[in-house]
């Protein structure tokens, strides 16, 4: 518990890192962005020139050595997450890390073990949809029995196609479409169904547009199913090739009803009718859809550090979502059902 602000060092100041940095510097009460770390000089220049951050480091361990940093926000490539989390905990820092926790189960378990040795430190993985107002409302309604016993979740994450194939160069280290994209849907399914144990999974995928993904065994569209121990089921769809914009949608079916979140990907409620027909504007990227949720997520982490409160989700939640994502990746490459 601290009376002053949580002094934060941002690690990784690329596309998502800048979003977090801007929020921490200007929109999260109780947070103070005091340092930035990146091996890329242009990213450090941006942090200094745009946000006024003066403590700039190319070496992560130099940032961890600072006594004026209480917590780190890790927004780096997926392969670096587990080692960077463990290093931060060893240095006595609270940790927020973007998803996924890791791309390997043994690394997830190693992070959990290190965190258990430092119960005084908060560690949180960024499953931002848990902080979206609509998903929170859906979870509360399900817990209150609004749809009876929930037994099926259908959830999708669909990104607008990027003709440049920007993500293709990161694909070899992303963990594949199910770990990189569907992990959000996997976590949602576990959360909304009451955290049941996963039994077996099966997945299929195709390269519809971006042929460069074949070299690393990845796909740009994938579908998957997960069976849980108590007879509950989840179905997932991930796409990087939507023509119209971003869509995140989830349907939860129960014995007494159904809940749907984000059915049509609308940017707003405006409907245009003209000579071309009837249409609406759609959300361009995931960030516009979840901008408020990112802010709520950051505020939650900072408040938990300041007031020594329990986090809304555990490292074990992140491990289980990763476990399922890894199994789906294996199912895709081996064309078979994977038992968990």
C-alpha atoms as a PDB file:
ATOM      1  CA  UNK A   1       0.000   0.000   0.000  1.00  0.00           C
ATOM      2  CA  UNK A   2       1.277   3.451  -0.888  1.00  0.00           C
ATOM      3  CA  UNK A   3       0.034   6.976  -0.297  1.00  0.00           C
ATOM      4  CA  UNK A   4       1.725   8.364  -3.400  1.00  0.00           C
ATOM      5  CA  UNK A   5       1.294   7.448  -7.062  1.00  0.00           C
ATOM      6  CA  UNK A   6       2.520   4.160  -8.479  1.00  0.00           C
ATOM      7  CA  UNK A   7       5.695   4.998 -10.380  1.00  0.00           C
ATOM      8  CA  UNK A   8       5.598   3.020 -13.620  1.00  0.00           C
ATOM      9  CA  UNK A   9       8.210   2.054 -16.177  1.00  0.00           C
ATOM     10  CA  UNK A  10       6.851   1.098 -19.612  1.00  0.00           C
ATOM     11  CA  UNK A  11       8.756  -1.682 -21.378  1.00  0.00           C
ATOM     12  CA  UNK A  12       8.159  -1.677 -25.120  1.00  0.00           C
ATOM     13  CA  UNK A  13       6.879   1.509 -26.739  1.00  0.00           C
ATOM     14  CA  UNK A  14       5.562   0.212 -30.038  1.00  0.00           C
ATOM     15  CA  UNK A  15       1.967   0.199 -31.250  1.00  0.00           C
ATOM     16  CA  UNK A  16       0.322  -1.136 -28.068  1.00  0.00           C
ATOM     17  CA  UNK A  17       3.003   0.180 -25.735  1.00  0.00           C
ATOM     18  CA  UNK A  18       2.195   3.717 -26.804  1.00  0.00           C
ATOM     19  CA  UNK A  19      -1.471   3.208 -25.993  1.00  0.00           C
ATOM     20  CA  UNK A  20      -0.620   2.055 -22.477  1.00  0.00           C
ATOM     21  CA  UNK A  21       1.980   4.784 -22.053  1.00  0.00           C
ATOM     22  CA  UNK A  22      -0.440   7.557 -23.042  1.00  0.00           C
ATOM     23  CA  UNK A  23      -3.060   6.277 -20.618  1.00  0.00           C
ATOM     24  CA  UNK A  24      -0.590   5.904 -17.743  1.00  0.00           C
ATOM     25  CA  UNK A  25       0.833   9.359 -18.340  1.00  0.00           C
ATOM     26  CA  UNK A  26      -2.437  11.243 -18.738  1.00  0.00           C
ATOM     27  CA  UNK A  27      -5.562   9.228 -17.898  1.00  0.00           C
ATOM     28  CA  UNK A  28      -4.933   6.883 -14.945  1.00  0.00           C
ATOM     29  CA  UNK A  29      -5.255   8.600 -11.547  1.00  0.00           C
ATOM     30  CA  UNK A  30      -2.689   7.276  -9.102  1.00  0.00           C
ATOM     31  CA  UNK A  31      -0.133   6.393 -11.791  1.00  0.00           C
ATOM     32  CA  UNK A  32       3.005   8.288 -12.760  1.00  0.00           C
ATOM     33  CA  UNK A  33       4.928   7.252 -15.881  1.00  0.00           C
ATOM     34  CA  UNK A  34       8.560   7.833 -14.890  1.00  0.00           C
ATOM     35  CA  UNK A  35      10.603   5.629 -17.241  1.00  0.00           C
ATOM     36  CA  UNK A  36      10.560   3.927 -20.635  1.00  0.00           C
ATOM     37  CA  UNK A  37      12.574   1.058 -22.048  1.00  0.00           C
ATOM     38  CA  UNK A  38      13.078  -0.081 -25.634  1.00  0.00           C
ATOM     39  CA  UNK A  39      16.014  -1.208 -27.775  1.00  0.00           C
ATOM     40  CA  UNK A  40      14.647   1.058 -30.517  1.00  0.00           C
ATOM     41  CA  UNK A  41      15.800   4.656 -30.303  1.00  0.00           C
ATOM     42  CA  UNK A  42      12.784   6.049 -32.156  1.00  0.00           C
ATOM     43  CA  UNK A  43      10.450   4.584 -29.532  1.00  0.00           C
ATOM     44  CA  UNK A  44      12.409   6.216 -26.717  1.00  0.00           C
ATOM     45  CA  UNK A  45      12.415   9.524 -28.589  1.00  0.00           C
ATOM     46  CA  UNK A  46       8.637   9.308 -28.835  1.00  0.00           C
ATOM     47  CA  UNK A  47       8.282   8.699 -25.079  1.00  0.00           C
ATOM     48  CA  UNK A  48      10.472  11.721 -24.338  1.00  0.00           C
ATOM     49  CA  UNK A  49       9.050  14.093 -26.938  1.00  0.00           C
ATOM     50  CA  UNK A  50       5.376  13.143 -26.631  1.00  0.00           C
ATOM     51  CA  UNK A  51       4.988  12.282 -22.957  1.00  0.00           C
ATOM     52  CA  UNK A  52       7.953  14.021 -21.368  1.00  0.00           C
ATOM     53  CA  UNK A  53       9.519  10.816 -20.011  1.00  0.00           C
ATOM     54  CA  UNK A  54      13.102  11.626 -19.046  1.00  0.00           C
ATOM     55  CA  UNK A  55      14.382   8.262 -17.769  1.00  0.00           C
ATOM     56  CA  UNK A  56      15.043   6.332 -20.993  1.00  0.00           C
ATOM     57  CA  UNK A  57      16.728   2.918 -21.159  1.00  0.00           C
ATOM     58  CA  UNK A  58      17.714   0.545 -23.929  1.00  0.00           C
ATOM     59  CA  UNK A  59      18.604  -2.160 -21.398  1.00  0.00           C
ATOM     60  CA  UNK A  60      15.712  -3.694 -19.456  1.00  0.00           C
ATOM     61  CA  UNK A  61      17.856  -4.517 -16.424  1.00  0.00           C
ATOM     62  CA  UNK A  62      18.901  -0.889 -16.144  1.00  0.00           C
ATOM     63  CA  UNK A  63      15.256   0.071 -15.789  1.00  0.00           C
ATOM     64  CA  UNK A  64      14.704  -2.676 -13.216  1.00  0.00           C
ATOM     65  CA  UNK A  65      17.614  -1.263 -11.199  1.00  0.00           C
ATOM     66  CA  UNK A  66      15.865   2.075 -10.719  1.00  0.00           C
ATOM     67  CA  UNK A  67      14.644   2.730  -7.173  1.00  0.00           C
ATOM     68  CA  UNK A  68      12.043   5.202  -8.456  1.00  0.00           C
ATOM     69  CA  UNK A  69      10.144   2.501 -10.395  1.00  0.00           C
ATOM     70  CA  UNK A  70       7.481   0.611  -8.435  1.00  0.00           C
ATOM     71  CA  UNK A  71       5.877  -1.296 -11.300  1.00  0.00           C
ATOM     72  CA  UNK A  72       6.571  -2.224 -14.907  1.00  0.00           C
ATOM     73  CA  UNK A  73       4.151  -2.496 -17.812  1.00  0.00           C
ATOM     74  CA  UNK A  74       5.540  -5.093 -20.228  1.00  0.00           C
ATOM     75  CA  UNK A  75       4.357  -4.617 -23.821  1.00  0.00           C
ATOM     76  CA  UNK A  76       7.019  -6.588 -25.686  1.00  0.00           C
ATOM     77  CA  UNK A  77       7.069  -9.544 -28.133  1.00  0.00           C
ATOM     78  CA  UNK A  78       5.308 -12.626 -26.768  1.00  0.00           C
ATOM     79  CA  UNK A  79       8.498 -14.687 -26.532  1.00  0.00           C
ATOM     80  CA  UNK A  80       9.998 -12.254 -23.997  1.00  0.00           C
ATOM     81  CA  UNK A  81       7.117 -12.136 -21.517  1.00  0.00           C
ATOM     82  CA  UNK A  82       7.981 -14.931 -19.041  1.00  0.00           C
ATOM     83  CA  UNK A  83      11.661 -14.036 -18.587  1.00  0.00           C
ATOM     84  CA  UNK A  84      10.850 -10.339 -18.268  1.00  0.00           C
ATOM     85  CA  UNK A  85       8.127 -10.992 -15.684  1.00  0.00           C
ATOM     86  CA  UNK A  86      10.445 -13.162 -13.597  1.00  0.00           C
ATOM     87  CA  UNK A  87      13.240 -10.575 -13.813  1.00  0.00           C
ATOM     88  CA  UNK A  88      10.852  -7.841 -12.640  1.00  0.00           C
ATOM     89  CA  UNK A  89       9.637  -9.909  -9.697  1.00  0.00           C
ATOM     90  CA  UNK A  90      13.217 -10.704  -8.724  1.00  0.00           C
ATOM     91  CA  UNK A  91      13.909  -6.964  -8.786  1.00  0.00           C
ATOM     92  CA  UNK A  92      10.932  -6.335  -6.484  1.00  0.00           C
ATOM     93  CA  UNK A  93       8.630  -4.711  -9.035  1.00  0.00           C
ATOM     94  CA  UNK A  94       4.890  -5.144  -9.502  1.00  0.00           C
ATOM     95  CA  UNK A  95       4.131  -6.385 -13.021  1.00  0.00           C
ATOM     96  CA  UNK A  96       1.469  -5.811 -15.628  1.00  0.00           C
ATOM     97  CA  UNK A  97       2.151  -7.774 -18.818  1.00  0.00           C
ATOM     98  CA  UNK A  98       0.213  -7.880 -22.055  1.00  0.00           C
ATOM     99  CA  UNK A  99      -1.189 -11.263 -23.070  1.00  0.00           C
ATOM    100  CA  UNK A 100      -0.233 -14.007 -23.567  1.00  0.00           C
ATOM    101  CA  UNK A 101       1.660 -15.024 -20.441  1.00  0.00           C
ATOM    102  CA  UNK A 102       3.875 -17.263 -22.577  1.00  0.00           C
ATOM    103  CA  UNK A 103       3.835 -19.574 -25.577  1.00  0.00           C
ATOM    104  CA  UNK A 104       5.071 -22.564 -23.533  1.00  0.00           C
ATOM    105  CA  UNK A 105       3.321 -24.167 -20.584  1.00  0.00           C
ATOM    106  CA  UNK A 106       6.487 -24.783 -18.544  1.00  0.00           C
ATOM    107  CA  UNK A 107       7.278 -21.059 -18.756  1.00  0.00           C
ATOM    108  CA  UNK A 108       3.788 -20.197 -17.487  1.00  0.00           C
ATOM    109  CA  UNK A 109       4.308 -22.498 -14.525  1.00  0.00           C
ATOM    110  CA  UNK A 110       7.741 -20.985 -13.845  1.00  0.00           C
ATOM    111  CA  UNK A 111       6.177 -17.515 -13.682  1.00  0.00           C
ATOM    112  CA  UNK A 112       3.480 -18.788 -11.315  1.00  0.00           C
ATOM    113  CA  UNK A 113       6.154 -20.323  -9.083  1.00  0.00           C
ATOM    114  CA  UNK A 114       8.183 -17.108  -8.960  1.00  0.00           C
ATOM    115  CA  UNK A 115       5.084 -15.049  -8.224  1.00  0.00           C
ATOM    116  CA  UNK A 116       4.174 -17.382  -5.352  1.00  0.00           C
ATOM    117  CA  UNK A 117       7.527 -16.547  -3.777  1.00  0.00           C
ATOM    118  CA  UNK A 118       6.632 -12.846  -3.883  1.00  0.00           C
ATOM    119  CA  UNK A 119       3.049 -12.592  -2.586  1.00  0.00           C
ATOM    120  CA  UNK A 120       3.707  -8.930  -1.762  1.00  0.00           C
ATOM    121  CA  UNK A 121       3.901  -8.128  -5.479  1.00  0.00           C
ATOM    122  CA  UNK A 122       0.993  -7.860  -7.913  1.00  0.00           C
ATOM    123  CA  UNK A 123       1.246  -9.677 -11.244  1.00  0.00           C
ATOM    124  CA  UNK A 124      -1.471  -9.293 -13.865  1.00  0.00           C
ATOM    125  CA  UNK A 125      -1.789 -10.417 -17.481  1.00  0.00           C
ATOM    126  CA  UNK A 126      -3.763  -8.136 -19.799  1.00  0.00           C
ATOM    127  CA  UNK A 127      -6.996  -9.951 -20.591  1.00  0.00           C
ATOM    128  CA  UNK A 128      -8.691  -6.668 -21.366  1.00  0.00           C
ATOM    129  CA  UNK A 129     -12.131  -8.013 -22.233  1.00  0.00           C
ATOM    130  CA  UNK A 130     -12.736  -8.814 -18.569  1.00  0.00           C
ATOM    131  CA  UNK A 131     -12.746  -5.038 -18.041  1.00  0.00           C
ATOM    132  CA  UNK A 132     -15.169  -4.202 -20.835  1.00  0.00           C
ATOM    133  CA  UNK A 133     -18.452  -2.895 -19.397  1.00  0.00           C
ATOM    134  CA  UNK A 134     -20.606  -5.109 -21.646  1.00  0.00           C
ATOM    135  CA  UNK A 135     -18.699  -8.294 -20.850  1.00  0.00           C
ATOM    136  CA  UNK A 136     -18.736  -7.457 -17.137  1.00  0.00           C
ATOM    137  CA  UNK A 137     -22.492  -6.977 -17.304  1.00  0.00           C
ATOM    138  CA  UNK A 138     -22.869 -10.298 -19.111  1.00  0.00           C
ATOM    139  CA  UNK A 139     -20.747 -12.105 -16.504  1.00  0.00           C
ATOM    140  CA  UNK A 140     -22.746 -10.633 -13.623  1.00  0.00           C
ATOM    141  CA  UNK A 141     -26.022 -11.582 -15.308  1.00  0.00           C
ATOM    142  CA  UNK A 142     -24.858 -15.161 -15.882  1.00  0.00           C
ATOM    143  CA  UNK A 143     -23.639 -15.479 -12.292  1.00  0.00           C
ATOM    144  CA  UNK A 144     -27.022 -14.231 -11.099  1.00  0.00           C
ATOM    145  CA  UNK A 145     -28.780 -16.987 -13.062  1.00  0.00           C
ATOM    146  CA  UNK A 146     -30.234 -14.852 -15.862  1.00  0.00           C
ATOM    147  CA  UNK A 147     -29.866 -17.621 -18.471  1.00  0.00           C
ATOM    148  CA  UNK A 148     -29.944 -20.632 -16.185  1.00  0.00           C
ATOM    149  CA  UNK A 149     -26.918 -22.923 -16.357  1.00  0.00           C
ATOM    150  CA  UNK A 150     -24.557 -21.723 -19.107  1.00  0.00           C
ATOM    151  CA  UNK A 151     -23.290 -24.596 -21.226  1.00  0.00           C
ATOM    152  CA  UNK A 152     -22.077 -23.121 -24.536  1.00  0.00           C
ATOM    153  CA  UNK A 153     -19.906 -20.157 -25.517  1.00  0.00           C
ATOM    154  CA  UNK A 154     -19.334 -19.117 -29.123  1.00  0.00           C
ATOM    155  CA  UNK A 155     -16.754 -16.357 -29.390  1.00  0.00           C
ATOM    156  CA  UNK A 156     -14.848 -14.733 -32.237  1.00  0.00           C
ATOM    157  CA  UNK A 157     -12.058 -12.227 -32.765  1.00  0.00           C
ATOM    158  CA  UNK A 158     -11.943 -10.910 -36.326  1.00  0.00           C
ATOM    159  CA  UNK A 159      -9.486  -8.224 -37.417  1.00  0.00           C
ATOM    160  CA  UNK A 160      -9.788  -6.064 -40.498  1.00  0.00           C
ATOM    161  CA  UNK A 161      -7.503  -7.265 -43.265  1.00  0.00           C
ATOM    162  CA  UNK A 162      -4.174  -5.467 -43.460  1.00  0.00           C
ATOM    163  CA  UNK A 163      -3.118  -5.744 -47.120  1.00  0.00           C
ATOM    164  CA  UNK A 164       0.493  -5.065 -46.149  1.00  0.00           C
ATOM    165  CA  UNK A 165       0.544  -8.257 -44.071  1.00  0.00           C
ATOM    166  CA  UNK A 166       2.121  -6.325 -41.180  1.00  0.00           C
ATOM    167  CA  UNK A 167       1.591  -9.203 -38.750  1.00  0.00           C
ATOM    168  CA  UNK A 168       3.217 -11.805 -41.023  1.00  0.00           C
ATOM    169  CA  UNK A 169       6.751 -10.807 -40.007  1.00  0.00           C
ATOM    170  CA  UNK A 170       5.802 -11.289 -36.341  1.00  0.00           C
ATOM    171  CA  UNK A 171       4.023 -14.601 -36.931  1.00  0.00           C
ATOM    172  CA  UNK A 172       7.057 -16.846 -36.205  1.00  0.00           C
ATOM    173  CA  UNK A 173       7.185 -15.487 -32.636  1.00  0.00           C
ATOM    174  CA  UNK A 174       3.469 -14.839 -32.051  1.00  0.00           C
ATOM    175  CA  UNK A 175       2.541 -18.355 -30.970  1.00  0.00           C
ATOM    176  CA  UNK A 176       0.090 -18.771 -33.827  1.00  0.00           C
ATOM    177  CA  UNK A 177      -3.415 -17.468 -34.367  1.00  0.00           C
ATOM    178  CA  UNK A 178      -4.982 -19.307 -31.424  1.00  0.00           C
ATOM    179  CA  UNK A 179      -2.405 -18.166 -28.845  1.00  0.00           C
ATOM    180  CA  UNK A 180      -2.070 -14.664 -30.275  1.00  0.00           C
ATOM    181  CA  UNK A 181      -5.749 -13.921 -31.015  1.00  0.00           C
ATOM    182  CA  UNK A 182      -8.112 -16.574 -29.638  1.00  0.00           C
ATOM    183  CA  UNK A 183      -6.514 -16.519 -26.182  1.00  0.00           C
ATOM    184  CA  UNK A 184      -8.875 -13.611 -25.407  1.00  0.00           C
ATOM    185  CA  UNK A 185     -11.897 -15.720 -26.389  1.00  0.00           C
ATOM    186  CA  UNK A 186     -10.527 -18.701 -24.475  1.00  0.00           C
ATOM    187  CA  UNK A 187     -10.187 -16.633 -21.323  1.00  0.00           C
ATOM    188  CA  UNK A 188     -13.689 -15.222 -21.807  1.00  0.00           C
ATOM    189  CA  UNK A 189     -15.154 -18.703 -22.212  1.00  0.00           C
ATOM    190  CA  UNK A 190     -13.547 -19.947 -18.994  1.00  0.00           C
ATOM    191  CA  UNK A 191     -14.655 -16.812 -17.129  1.00  0.00           C
ATOM    192  CA  UNK A 192     -18.240 -16.851 -18.379  1.00  0.00           C
ATOM    193  CA  UNK A 193     -18.657 -20.613 -17.864  1.00  0.00           C
ATOM    194  CA  UNK A 194     -17.315 -20.527 -14.305  1.00  0.00           C
ATOM    195  CA  UNK A 195     -13.693 -21.676 -14.954  1.00  0.00           C
ATOM    196  CA  UNK A 196     -14.332 -25.342 -15.841  1.00  0.00           C
ATOM    197  CA  UNK A 197     -11.421 -27.666 -16.571  1.00  0.00           C
ATOM    198  CA  UNK A 198     -10.639 -28.204 -20.263  1.00  0.00           C
ATOM    199  CA  UNK A 199     -10.653 -31.836 -21.421  1.00  0.00           C
ATOM    200  CA  UNK A 200      -9.929 -31.864 -25.161  1.00  0.00           C
ATOM    201  CA  UNK A 201      -9.675 -29.533 -28.125  1.00  0.00           C
ATOM    202  CA  UNK A 202      -9.744 -29.655 -31.907  1.00  0.00           C
ATOM    203  CA  UNK A 203      -8.925 -26.956 -34.455  1.00  0.00           C
ATOM    204  CA  UNK A 204      -8.792 -26.317 -38.192  1.00  0.00           C
ATOM    205  CA  UNK A 205      -7.408 -23.412 -40.173  1.00  0.00           C
ATOM    206  CA  UNK A 206      -6.757 -22.049 -43.619  1.00  0.00           C
ATOM    207  CA  UNK A 207      -4.575 -19.468 -45.324  1.00  0.00           C
ATOM    208  CA  UNK A 208      -7.171 -17.437 -47.168  1.00  0.00           C
ATOM    209  CA  UNK A 209      -5.095 -14.355 -48.037  1.00  0.00           C
ATOM    210  CA  UNK A 210      -1.627 -14.120 -46.485  1.00  0.00           C
ATOM    211  CA  UNK A 211       0.504 -16.849 -48.057  1.00  0.00           C
ATOM    212  CA  UNK A 212       3.550 -15.794 -46.033  1.00  0.00           C
ATOM    213  CA  UNK A 213       2.040 -17.480 -42.976  1.00  0.00           C
ATOM    214  CA  UNK A 214       2.578 -20.949 -44.430  1.00  0.00           C
ATOM    215  CA  UNK A 215       6.319 -20.785 -43.772  1.00  0.00           C
ATOM    216  CA  UNK A 216       5.769 -20.797 -39.999  1.00  0.00           C
ATOM    217  CA  UNK A 217       2.774 -23.138 -39.988  1.00  0.00           C
ATOM    218  CA  UNK A 218       0.274 -20.420 -39.138  1.00  0.00           C
ATOM    219  CA  UNK A 219      -3.075 -19.521 -40.735  1.00  0.00           C
ATOM    220  CA  UNK A 220      -5.066 -16.316 -41.170  1.00  0.00           C
ATOM    221  CA  UNK A 221      -8.427 -17.924 -40.350  1.00  0.00           C
ATOM    222  CA  UNK A 222      -8.988 -20.608 -37.739  1.00  0.00           C
ATOM    223  CA  UNK A 223     -11.882 -22.370 -36.025  1.00  0.00           C
ATOM    224  CA  UNK A 224     -11.678 -24.416 -32.848  1.00  0.00           C
ATOM    225  CA  UNK A 225     -13.704 -26.324 -30.267  1.00  0.00           C
ATOM    226  CA  UNK A 226     -13.010 -26.998 -26.611  1.00  0.00           C
ATOM    227  CA  UNK A 227     -14.816 -29.535 -24.433  1.00  0.00           C
ATOM    228  CA  UNK A 228     -14.831 -28.961 -20.678  1.00  0.00           C
ATOM    229  CA  UNK A 229     -15.115 -31.517 -17.881  1.00  0.00           C
ATOM    230  CA  UNK A 230     -18.696 -30.743 -16.903  1.00  0.00           C
ATOM    231  CA  UNK A 231     -20.129 -31.025 -20.419  1.00  0.00           C
ATOM    232  CA  UNK A 232     -19.751 -27.347 -21.250  1.00  0.00           C
ATOM    233  CA  UNK A 233     -18.475 -26.435 -24.713  1.00  0.00           C
ATOM    234  CA  UNK A 234     -16.754 -23.470 -26.372  1.00  0.00           C
ATOM    235  CA  UNK A 235     -16.381 -22.680 -30.068  1.00  0.00           C
ATOM    236  CA  UNK A 236     -13.876 -20.113 -31.332  1.00  0.00           C
ATOM    237  CA  UNK A 237     -13.264 -18.316 -34.617  1.00  0.00           C
ATOM    238  CA  UNK A 238     -10.280 -16.104 -35.360  1.00  0.00           C
ATOM    239  CA  UNK A 239      -9.688 -14.129 -38.560  1.00  0.00           C
ATOM    240  CA  UNK A 240      -7.114 -11.642 -39.748  1.00  0.00           C
ATOM    241  CA  UNK A 241      -8.865 -10.983 -43.071  1.00  0.00           C
ATOM    242  CA  UNK A 242     -12.196  -9.207 -42.503  1.00  0.00           C
ATOM    243  CA  UNK A 243     -12.893  -6.732 -45.315  1.00  0.00           C
ATOM    244  CA  UNK A 244     -15.117  -4.326 -43.376  1.00  0.00           C
ATOM    245  CA  UNK A 245     -13.450  -3.818 -39.993  1.00  0.00           C
ATOM    246  CA  UNK A 246     -12.931  -5.389 -36.572  1.00  0.00           C
ATOM    247  CA  UNK A 247     -15.483  -7.606 -34.877  1.00  0.00           C
ATOM    248  CA  UNK A 248     -15.420  -9.120 -31.408  1.00  0.00           C
ATOM    249  CA  UNK A 249     -18.588 -11.070 -30.639  1.00  0.00           C
ATOM    250  CA  UNK A 250     -19.556 -13.596 -27.981  1.00  0.00           C
ATOM    251  CA  UNK A 251     -22.712 -15.632 -27.468  1.00  0.00           C
ATOM    252  CA  UNK A 252     -23.411 -17.502 -24.227  1.00  0.00           C
ATOM    253  CA  UNK A 253     -26.198 -20.101 -24.292  1.00  0.00           C
ATOM    254  CA  UNK A 254     -27.818 -21.332 -21.090  1.00  0.00           C
ATOM    255  CA  UNK A 255     -30.648 -23.640 -20.097  1.00  0.00           C
ATOM    256  CA  UNK A 256     -33.016 -20.656 -19.666  1.00  0.00           C
ATOM    257  CA  UNK A 257     -31.813 -18.169 -22.262  1.00  0.00           C
ATOM    258  CA  UNK A 258     -28.967 -16.614 -24.227  1.00  0.00           C
ATOM    259  CA  UNK A 259     -26.723 -13.554 -23.922  1.00  0.00           C
ATOM    260  CA  UNK A 260     -24.949 -11.928 -26.859  1.00  0.00           C
ATOM    261  CA  UNK A 261     -22.176  -9.315 -26.661  1.00  0.00           C
ATOM    262  CA  UNK A 262     -21.050  -7.289 -29.703  1.00  0.00           C
ATOM    263  CA  UNK A 263     -23.128  -9.002 -32.348  1.00  0.00           C
ATOM    264  CA  UNK A 264     -22.563  -6.728 -35.353  1.00  0.00           C
ATOM    265  CA  UNK A 265     -19.317  -4.793 -34.803  1.00  0.00           C
ATOM    266  CA  UNK A 266     -20.987  -1.390 -35.118  1.00  0.00           C
ATOM    267  CA  UNK A 267     -18.914   1.707 -34.426  1.00  0.00           C
ATOM    268  CA  UNK A 268     -22.068   3.588 -33.397  1.00  0.00           C
ATOM    269  CA  UNK A 269     -25.831   3.447 -33.840  1.00  0.00           C
ATOM    270  CA  UNK A 270     -25.946   5.573 -37.020  1.00  0.00           C
ATOM    271  CA  UNK A 271     -27.573   3.891 -40.013  1.00  0.00           C
ATOM    272  CA  UNK A 272     -27.074   5.377 -43.480  1.00  0.00           C
ATOM    273  CA  UNK A 273     -29.657   4.809 -46.217  1.00  0.00           C
ATOM    274  CA  UNK A 274     -28.830   5.996 -49.732  1.00  0.00           C
ATOM    275  CA  UNK A 275     -28.565   4.833 -53.339  1.00  0.00           C
ATOM    276  CA  UNK A 276     -26.067   2.150 -52.292  1.00  0.00           C
ATOM    277  CA  UNK A 277     -28.446   0.615 -49.763  1.00  0.00           C
ATOM    278  CA  UNK A 278     -28.535   0.625 -45.952  1.00  0.00           C
ATOM    279  CA  UNK A 279     -25.271   0.490 -44.028  1.00  0.00           C
ATOM    280  CA  UNK A 280     -23.535   1.339 -40.755  1.00  0.00           C
ATOM    281  CA  UNK A 281     -19.976   2.248 -39.847  1.00  0.00           C
ATOM    282  CA  UNK A 282     -17.922  -0.562 -38.310  1.00  0.00           C
ATOM    283  CA  UNK A 283     -15.197  -0.554 -35.695  1.00  0.00           C
ATOM    284  CA  UNK A 284     -11.822  -0.205 -37.485  1.00  0.00           C
ATOM    285  CA  UNK A 285      -9.541  -1.974 -34.956  1.00  0.00           C
ATOM    286  CA  UNK A 286      -9.709  -3.778 -31.618  1.00  0.00           C
ATOM    287  CA  UNK A 287      -8.444  -0.702 -29.798  1.00  0.00           C
ATOM    288  CA  UNK A 288     -11.403   1.459 -30.720  1.00  0.00           C
ATOM    289  CA  UNK A 289     -13.692  -1.341 -29.511  1.00  0.00           C
ATOM    290  CA  UNK A 290     -11.918  -1.752 -26.178  1.00  0.00           C
ATOM    291  CA  UNK A 291     -10.399   1.687 -25.483  1.00  0.00           C
ATOM    292  CA  UNK A 292     -12.469   2.149 -22.311  1.00  0.00           C
ATOM    293  CA  UNK A 293     -11.672  -1.391 -21.194  1.00  0.00           C
ATOM    294  CA  UNK A 294      -7.921  -0.791 -21.540  1.00  0.00           C
ATOM    295  CA  UNK A 295      -8.278   2.261 -19.316  1.00  0.00           C
ATOM    296  CA  UNK A 296     -10.335   0.339 -16.732  1.00  0.00           C
ATOM    297  CA  UNK A 297      -7.794  -2.492 -16.812  1.00  0.00           C
ATOM    298  CA  UNK A 298      -4.877  -0.131 -16.155  1.00  0.00           C
ATOM    299  CA  UNK A 299      -6.791   1.663 -13.419  1.00  0.00           C
ATOM    300  CA  UNK A 300      -7.620  -1.660 -11.756  1.00  0.00           C
ATOM    301  CA  UNK A 301      -3.979  -2.736 -11.693  1.00  0.00           C
ATOM    302  CA  UNK A 302      -2.774   0.619 -10.329  1.00  0.00           C
ATOM    303  CA  UNK A 303      -5.489   0.669  -7.645  1.00  0.00           C
ATOM    304  CA  UNK A 304      -4.641  -2.884  -6.562  1.00  0.00           C
ATOM    305  CA  UNK A 305      -0.979  -1.918  -6.191  1.00  0.00           C
ATOM    306  CA  UNK A 306      -1.757   1.311  -4.325  1.00  0.00           C
ATOM    307  CA  UNK A 307      -4.274  -0.194  -1.926  1.00  0.00           C
ATOM    308  CA  UNK A 308      -2.994  -3.794  -1.753  1.00  0.00           C
ATOM    309  CA  UNK A 309      -6.177  -5.257  -3.167  1.00  0.00           C
ATOM    310  CA  UNK A 310      -6.653  -8.626  -4.835  1.00  0.00           C
ATOM    311  CA  UNK A 311      -6.506  -8.621  -8.622  1.00  0.00           C
ATOM    312  CA  UNK A 312      -9.635  -9.552 -10.577  1.00  0.00           C
ATOM    313  CA  UNK A 313      -7.839 -12.393 -12.381  1.00  0.00           C
ATOM    314  CA  UNK A 314      -5.014 -14.707 -11.445  1.00  0.00           C
ATOM    315  CA  UNK A 315      -1.867 -15.948 -13.107  1.00  0.00           C
ATOM    316  CA  UNK A 316      -3.486 -19.372 -13.100  1.00  0.00           C
ATOM    317  CA  UNK A 317      -6.247 -17.977 -15.344  1.00  0.00           C
ATOM    318  CA  UNK A 318      -3.550 -16.857 -17.789  1.00  0.00           C
ATOM    319  CA  UNK A 319      -1.827 -20.249 -17.599  1.00  0.00           C
ATOM    320  CA  UNK A 320      -5.045 -22.129 -18.350  1.00  0.00           C
ATOM    321  CA  UNK A 321      -5.893 -19.886 -21.311  1.00  0.00           C
ATOM    322  CA  UNK A 322      -2.374 -20.463 -22.639  1.00  0.00           C
ATOM    323  CA  UNK A 323      -2.631 -24.218 -22.050  1.00  0.00           C
ATOM    324  CA  UNK A 324      -5.759 -24.367 -24.227  1.00  0.00           C
ATOM    325  CA  UNK A 325      -4.250 -22.081 -26.895  1.00  0.00           C
ATOM    326  CA  UNK A 326      -1.129 -24.246 -27.134  1.00  0.00           C
ATOM    327  CA  UNK A 327      -3.260 -27.380 -27.471  1.00  0.00           C
ATOM    328  CA  UNK A 328      -5.239 -25.745 -30.282  1.00  0.00           C
ATOM    329  CA  UNK A 329      -2.004 -24.854 -32.059  1.00  0.00           C
ATOM    330  CA  UNK A 330      -0.882 -28.476 -31.739  1.00  0.00           C
ATOM    331  CA  UNK A 331      -4.243 -29.722 -33.031  1.00  0.00           C
ATOM    332  CA  UNK A 332      -3.937 -27.449 -36.056  1.00  0.00           C
ATOM    333  CA  UNK A 333      -0.476 -28.725 -36.961  1.00  0.00           C
ATOM    334  CA  UNK A 334      -1.152 -32.407 -36.238  1.00  0.00           C
ATOM    335  CA  UNK A 335      -4.747 -32.562 -37.584  1.00  0.00           C
ATOM    336  CA  UNK A 336      -6.083 -34.414 -34.558  1.00  0.00           C
ATOM    337  CA  UNK A 337      -7.943 -34.019 -31.288  1.00  0.00           C
ATOM    338  CA  UNK A 338      -5.640 -33.084 -28.412  1.00  0.00           C
ATOM    339  CA  UNK A 339      -6.394 -34.389 -24.921  1.00  0.00           C
ATOM    340  CA  UNK A 340      -5.601 -32.091 -22.038  1.00  0.00           C
END
